[in-house]
């Protein structure tokens, strides 16, 4: 399901979304020579990004594993998109979305990565819309009149896919449950992006609480990648698609798991300053 980037061009300590571990991982910088790999999980995202070099364009960070190795997503791999982040309220879903956004923008020149945000908490994203003006396609509340127009432009791009190379677009939907009360036009266009967006380099990245996710099976079926935060064992069995996740040992805040290479890979997000 997951595909790594071209590993021979990269430092040998990197771990890609397929969950591949490398022997003798390097530390991020010489001044960490006395640190253990696990120390990396305590760094802020900004500190972490400043110390990583030689990352190809179109890469995003999900988090850091217990051994200190980062988990990276290849945004050119259509088999990964779209992504949904699931978990109980307060488990850090919005923080993970921000980490994906900030790392993707940091490692790619403007405007090779563009983004659009639909959120009832726009203040979380305002800083990055101002900092990356040329990459931001819009920041909307769920029922803003302009949302449908923005989605219409994206679905037009899907229909024109293949005519010319274009930037990767990340569409962040903070709380997907709002589709249940949205207009039919909004729902239809969002559903088209879920079904066909990857063919036009459009990634939909959504978050959803456990309770809402259990009621939205029709929408969840489109998500190839499910990232799970804290939830009940019963919810994991219904939402995780794959068995074997020891959800009881998942930390209650900022730790998630993704299924890759026939196993669950656990990682922790990094804090934003």
Protein backbone atom coordinates (compact mmCIF):
# COMPACT_ATOMS: atom_id res chain seq x y z
CA UNK A 1 0.00 0.00 0.00
CA UNK A 2 2.81 2.39 0.82
CA UNK A 3 5.79 3.29 -1.32
CA UNK A 4 9.01 4.93 -0.21
CA UNK A 5 10.76 7.70 -2.02
CA UNK A 6 14.02 7.00 -3.86
CA UNK A 7 16.01 5.96 -0.80
CA UNK A 8 19.45 6.05 -2.38
CA UNK A 9 19.26 9.85 -2.56
CA UNK A 10 18.51 10.25 1.14
CA UNK A 11 20.25 9.89 4.51
CA UNK A 12 20.08 6.30 5.69
CA UNK A 13 18.33 7.12 8.99
CA UNK A 14 15.07 8.15 7.38
CA UNK A 15 11.97 6.01 7.72
CA UNK A 16 9.29 6.41 5.07
CA UNK A 17 5.62 5.72 5.25
CA UNK A 18 6.17 2.06 4.48
CA UNK A 19 7.68 1.71 7.94
CA UNK A 20 11.12 0.58 6.85
CA UNK A 21 13.76 0.65 9.58
CA UNK A 22 17.43 1.27 8.79
CA UNK A 23 20.48 0.04 10.68
CA UNK A 24 22.79 2.46 12.46
CA UNK A 25 20.57 5.54 12.20
CA UNK A 26 22.38 8.86 12.20
CA UNK A 27 21.52 11.58 14.66
CA UNK A 28 20.23 14.87 13.31
CA UNK A 29 23.33 16.92 14.08
CA UNK A 30 26.77 16.59 15.56
CA UNK A 31 25.82 18.41 18.76
CA UNK A 32 23.43 15.55 19.56
CA UNK A 33 26.23 13.01 19.68
CA UNK A 34 25.44 12.20 23.29
CA UNK A 35 21.70 11.87 22.75
CA UNK A 36 19.64 8.76 22.33
CA UNK A 37 17.39 8.38 19.31
CA UNK A 38 14.35 8.66 21.53
CA UNK A 39 15.35 12.20 22.51
CA UNK A 40 14.11 13.45 19.15
CA UNK A 41 10.47 13.11 20.14
CA UNK A 42 10.88 15.95 22.63
CA UNK A 43 12.04 18.48 20.03
CA UNK A 44 9.60 21.05 18.67
CA UNK A 45 8.57 20.71 15.05
CA UNK A 46 10.45 23.90 14.14
CA UNK A 47 13.69 22.60 15.71
CA UNK A 48 13.23 19.26 14.02
CA UNK A 49 12.72 20.76 10.55
CA UNK A 50 15.74 23.06 10.89
CA UNK A 51 18.02 20.10 11.43
CA UNK A 52 16.82 17.91 8.55
CA UNK A 53 18.25 18.48 5.09
CA UNK A 54 18.16 16.76 1.70
CA UNK A 55 14.45 15.94 1.84
CA UNK A 56 12.88 15.70 -1.65
CA UNK A 57 10.03 17.99 -2.60
CA UNK A 58 6.60 16.57 -1.89
CA UNK A 59 7.40 15.03 1.48
CA UNK A 60 5.40 15.51 4.70
CA UNK A 61 6.12 14.52 8.29
CA UNK A 62 3.63 12.53 10.34
CA UNK A 63 5.70 12.21 13.49
CA UNK A 64 8.59 10.46 15.23
CA UNK A 65 8.71 6.83 16.40
CA UNK A 66 9.98 5.66 19.77
CA UNK A 67 13.42 4.97 18.26
CA UNK A 68 13.68 8.59 17.13
CA UNK A 69 13.19 7.95 13.42
CA UNK A 70 10.70 10.20 11.61
CA UNK A 71 7.72 8.84 9.67
CA UNK A 72 7.49 10.57 6.29
CA UNK A 73 4.78 10.48 3.65
CA UNK A 74 5.52 10.58 -0.07
CA UNK A 75 2.93 12.99 -1.48
CA UNK A 76 3.51 11.66 -5.00
CA UNK A 77 2.20 8.21 -4.02
CA UNK A 78 -1.45 8.04 -5.07
CA UNK A 79 -1.92 4.82 -3.08
CA UNK A 80 -1.74 6.78 0.20
CA UNK A 81 -4.30 9.51 -0.54
CA UNK A 82 -6.76 10.43 0.88
CA UNK A 83 -5.92 10.42 4.60
CA UNK A 84 -8.26 10.53 7.60
CA UNK A 85 -7.12 11.11 11.19
CA UNK A 86 -9.43 9.43 13.70
CA UNK A 87 -9.56 9.51 17.48
CA UNK A 88 -11.30 10.69 20.61
CA UNK A 89 -11.63 14.40 21.27
CA UNK A 90 -8.44 15.95 22.59
CA UNK A 91 -6.05 13.32 21.23
CA UNK A 92 -4.21 15.79 18.96
CA UNK A 93 -5.85 15.34 15.55
CA UNK A 94 -5.67 19.03 14.61
CA UNK A 95 -2.03 19.18 15.72
CA UNK A 96 -1.20 16.32 13.39
CA UNK A 97 -2.90 18.12 10.51
CA UNK A 98 -0.81 21.22 11.22
CA UNK A 99 2.37 19.15 11.36
CA UNK A 100 1.62 17.64 7.94
CA UNK A 101 0.96 21.09 6.50
CA UNK A 102 3.96 22.88 7.99
CA UNK A 103 6.46 20.14 7.11
CA UNK A 104 5.19 19.84 3.52
CA UNK A 105 5.51 23.60 3.03
CA UNK A 106 8.93 23.69 4.69
CA UNK A 107 10.44 21.01 2.47
CA UNK A 108 9.01 22.23 -0.85
CA UNK A 109 9.54 25.56 -2.63
CA UNK A 110 6.55 27.82 -3.10
CA UNK A 111 4.21 27.19 -4.80
CA UNK A 112 4.93 23.51 -5.60
CA UNK A 113 2.73 22.71 -2.59
CA UNK A 114 -0.59 24.54 -2.32
CA UNK A 115 -3.22 24.15 0.36
CA UNK A 116 -6.82 24.92 1.17
CA UNK A 117 -8.33 24.71 4.66
CA UNK A 118 -11.94 24.20 5.75
CA UNK A 119 -12.14 24.56 9.52
CA UNK A 120 -14.39 25.91 12.24
CA UNK A 121 -11.12 26.85 14.01
CA UNK A 122 -9.50 29.06 11.33
CA UNK A 123 -7.26 30.71 13.91
CA UNK A 124 -5.19 27.49 14.01
CA UNK A 125 -4.21 27.96 10.36
CA UNK A 126 -4.11 31.77 9.96
CA UNK A 127 -0.39 32.03 10.71
CA UNK A 128 0.55 29.68 7.89
CA UNK A 129 -1.83 31.26 5.40
CA UNK A 130 -0.09 34.59 6.01
CA UNK A 131 3.41 33.08 6.00
CA UNK A 132 2.84 31.09 2.79
CA UNK A 133 0.58 33.50 0.93
CA UNK A 134 1.44 32.24 -2.55
CA UNK A 135 0.65 28.65 -1.54
CA UNK A 136 -2.64 29.28 0.30
CA UNK A 137 -5.74 28.80 -1.87
CA UNK A 138 -8.12 29.80 0.90
CA UNK A 139 -9.05 29.49 4.57
CA UNK A 140 -12.77 28.96 5.07
CA UNK A 141 -15.27 28.15 7.75
CA UNK A 142 -17.43 25.15 6.77
CA UNK A 143 -20.42 27.12 5.57
CA UNK A 144 -18.73 30.12 3.97
CA UNK A 145 -20.27 30.91 0.60
CA UNK A 146 -16.86 30.80 -1.09
CA UNK A 147 -16.22 27.17 -0.11
CA UNK A 148 -18.33 25.71 -2.89
CA UNK A 149 -16.58 27.92 -5.45
CA UNK A 150 -13.17 26.74 -4.20
CA UNK A 151 -14.22 23.10 -4.42
CA UNK A 152 -15.62 23.71 -7.90
CA UNK A 153 -12.21 24.95 -9.05
CA UNK A 154 -10.56 21.82 -7.68
CA UNK A 155 -13.04 19.47 -9.34
CA UNK A 156 -12.43 21.28 -12.63
CA UNK A 157 -8.76 20.56 -12.18
CA UNK A 158 -9.53 16.86 -11.69
CA UNK A 159 -11.36 16.80 -15.00
CA UNK A 160 -8.38 18.47 -16.68
CA UNK A 161 -5.80 16.15 -15.05
CA UNK A 162 -3.01 15.13 -17.39
CA UNK A 163 -3.18 18.26 -19.57
CA UNK A 164 -0.29 19.94 -17.74
CA UNK A 165 1.82 19.33 -14.62
CA UNK A 166 0.56 21.22 -11.59
CA UNK A 167 1.40 21.70 -7.93
CA UNK A 168 0.27 19.26 -5.28
CA UNK A 169 -2.80 20.58 -3.45
CA UNK A 170 -3.49 19.60 0.16
CA UNK A 171 -7.14 20.04 1.17
CA UNK A 172 -7.50 20.03 4.96
CA UNK A 173 -10.99 19.38 6.34
CA UNK A 174 -10.96 19.99 10.08
CA UNK A 175 -13.94 17.96 11.35
CA UNK A 176 -15.38 16.06 8.40
CA UNK A 177 -18.70 15.58 10.24
CA UNK A 178 -19.85 18.95 8.87
CA UNK A 179 -20.63 17.25 5.52
CA UNK A 180 -23.77 15.82 7.11
CA UNK A 181 -25.36 19.29 7.20
CA UNK A 182 -23.64 20.78 4.14
CA UNK A 183 -25.35 21.47 0.81
CA UNK A 184 -25.70 18.70 -1.74
CA UNK A 185 -23.36 20.55 -4.10
CA UNK A 186 -20.69 20.74 -1.38
CA UNK A 187 -21.04 17.04 -0.59
CA UNK A 188 -20.91 16.02 -4.25
CA UNK A 189 -17.76 18.02 -4.95
CA UNK A 190 -16.01 16.82 -1.81
CA UNK A 191 -16.92 13.25 -2.70
CA UNK A 192 -15.45 13.69 -6.18
CA UNK A 193 -12.21 14.93 -4.64
CA UNK A 194 -12.15 11.88 -2.38
CA UNK A 195 -12.73 9.49 -5.29
CA UNK A 196 -10.56 11.06 -7.96
CA UNK A 197 -8.40 13.77 -6.38
CA UNK A 198 -5.21 11.71 -6.27
CA UNK A 199 -5.15 11.52 -10.07
CA UNK A 200 -4.73 15.31 -10.15
CA UNK A 201 -2.31 15.52 -7.18
CA UNK A 202 -5.08 16.71 -4.87
CA UNK A 203 -4.87 15.21 -1.39
CA UNK A 204 -7.79 15.42 1.00
CA UNK A 205 -6.66 15.18 4.62
CA UNK A 206 -9.52 15.10 7.12
CA UNK A 207 -9.97 14.61 10.83
CA UNK A 208 -12.94 13.08 12.58
CA UNK A 209 -13.81 12.21 16.16
CA UNK A 210 -14.36 8.57 17.02
CA UNK A 211 -18.07 9.03 17.74
CA UNK A 212 -18.68 10.77 14.41
CA UNK A 213 -16.55 8.29 12.49
CA UNK A 214 -18.65 5.36 13.73
CA UNK A 215 -21.70 7.04 12.14
CA UNK A 216 -20.05 7.90 8.81
CA UNK A 217 -19.10 4.62 7.20
CA UNK A 218 -20.22 5.82 3.77
CA UNK A 219 -17.63 8.59 3.83
CA UNK A 220 -14.87 6.62 5.51
CA UNK A 221 -14.83 4.03 2.73
CA UNK A 222 -12.96 6.48 0.48
CA UNK A 223 -9.95 6.86 2.78
CA UNK A 224 -7.04 4.62 1.80
CA UNK A 225 -5.02 5.70 4.83
CA UNK A 226 -6.45 5.82 8.35
CA UNK A 227 -4.34 7.28 11.16
CA UNK A 228 -5.69 6.26 14.57
CA UNK A 229 -5.37 8.11 17.85
CA UNK A 230 -6.74 7.06 21.23
CA UNK A 231 -10.12 5.31 21.10
CA UNK A 232 -11.81 2.22 22.48
CA UNK A 233 -10.82 -1.27 21.38
CA UNK A 234 -14.28 -1.74 19.92
CA UNK A 235 -13.84 1.42 17.81
CA UNK A 236 -10.45 0.22 16.57
CA UNK A 237 -12.03 -3.01 15.36
CA UNK A 238 -14.64 -1.07 13.40
CA UNK A 239 -12.47 1.75 12.08
CA UNK A 240 -8.93 0.39 11.77
CA UNK A 241 -9.47 -2.03 8.86
CA UNK A 242 -6.55 -4.16 10.08
CA UNK A 243 -6.18 -6.20 13.31
CA UNK A 244 -3.32 -6.16 15.76
CA UNK A 245 -3.21 -2.60 17.11
CA UNK A 246 -2.61 -2.51 20.87
CA UNK A 247 -4.64 0.65 21.35
CA UNK A 248 -4.48 0.43 25.15
CA UNK A 249 -0.76 1.23 25.07
CA UNK A 250 -1.22 4.30 22.88
CA UNK A 251 -0.48 7.51 24.76
CA UNK A 252 -3.58 9.61 25.36
CA UNK A 253 -2.17 12.73 23.72
CA UNK A 254 -0.20 13.18 20.49
CA UNK A 255 0.47 9.51 19.76
CA UNK A 256 -0.99 7.80 16.70
CA UNK A 257 -0.66 4.64 14.67
CA UNK A 258 -0.82 3.90 10.94
CA UNK A 259 -0.96 0.49 9.25
CA UNK A 260 1.90 -0.01 6.80
CA UNK A 261 3.89 -2.97 5.52
CA UNK A 262 1.56 -5.44 7.24
CA UNK A 263 2.02 -3.93 10.70
CA UNK A 264 0.93 -1.01 12.85
CA UNK A 265 3.53 1.73 13.16
CA UNK A 266 3.23 4.02 16.19
CA UNK A 267 4.56 7.56 16.22
CA UNK A 268 4.24 10.78 18.20
CA UNK A 269 3.63 14.25 16.80
CA UNK A 270 5.94 17.16 17.54
CA UNK A 271 4.72 20.35 19.18
CA UNK A 272 4.52 23.66 17.36
CA UNK A 273 6.07 26.71 19.00
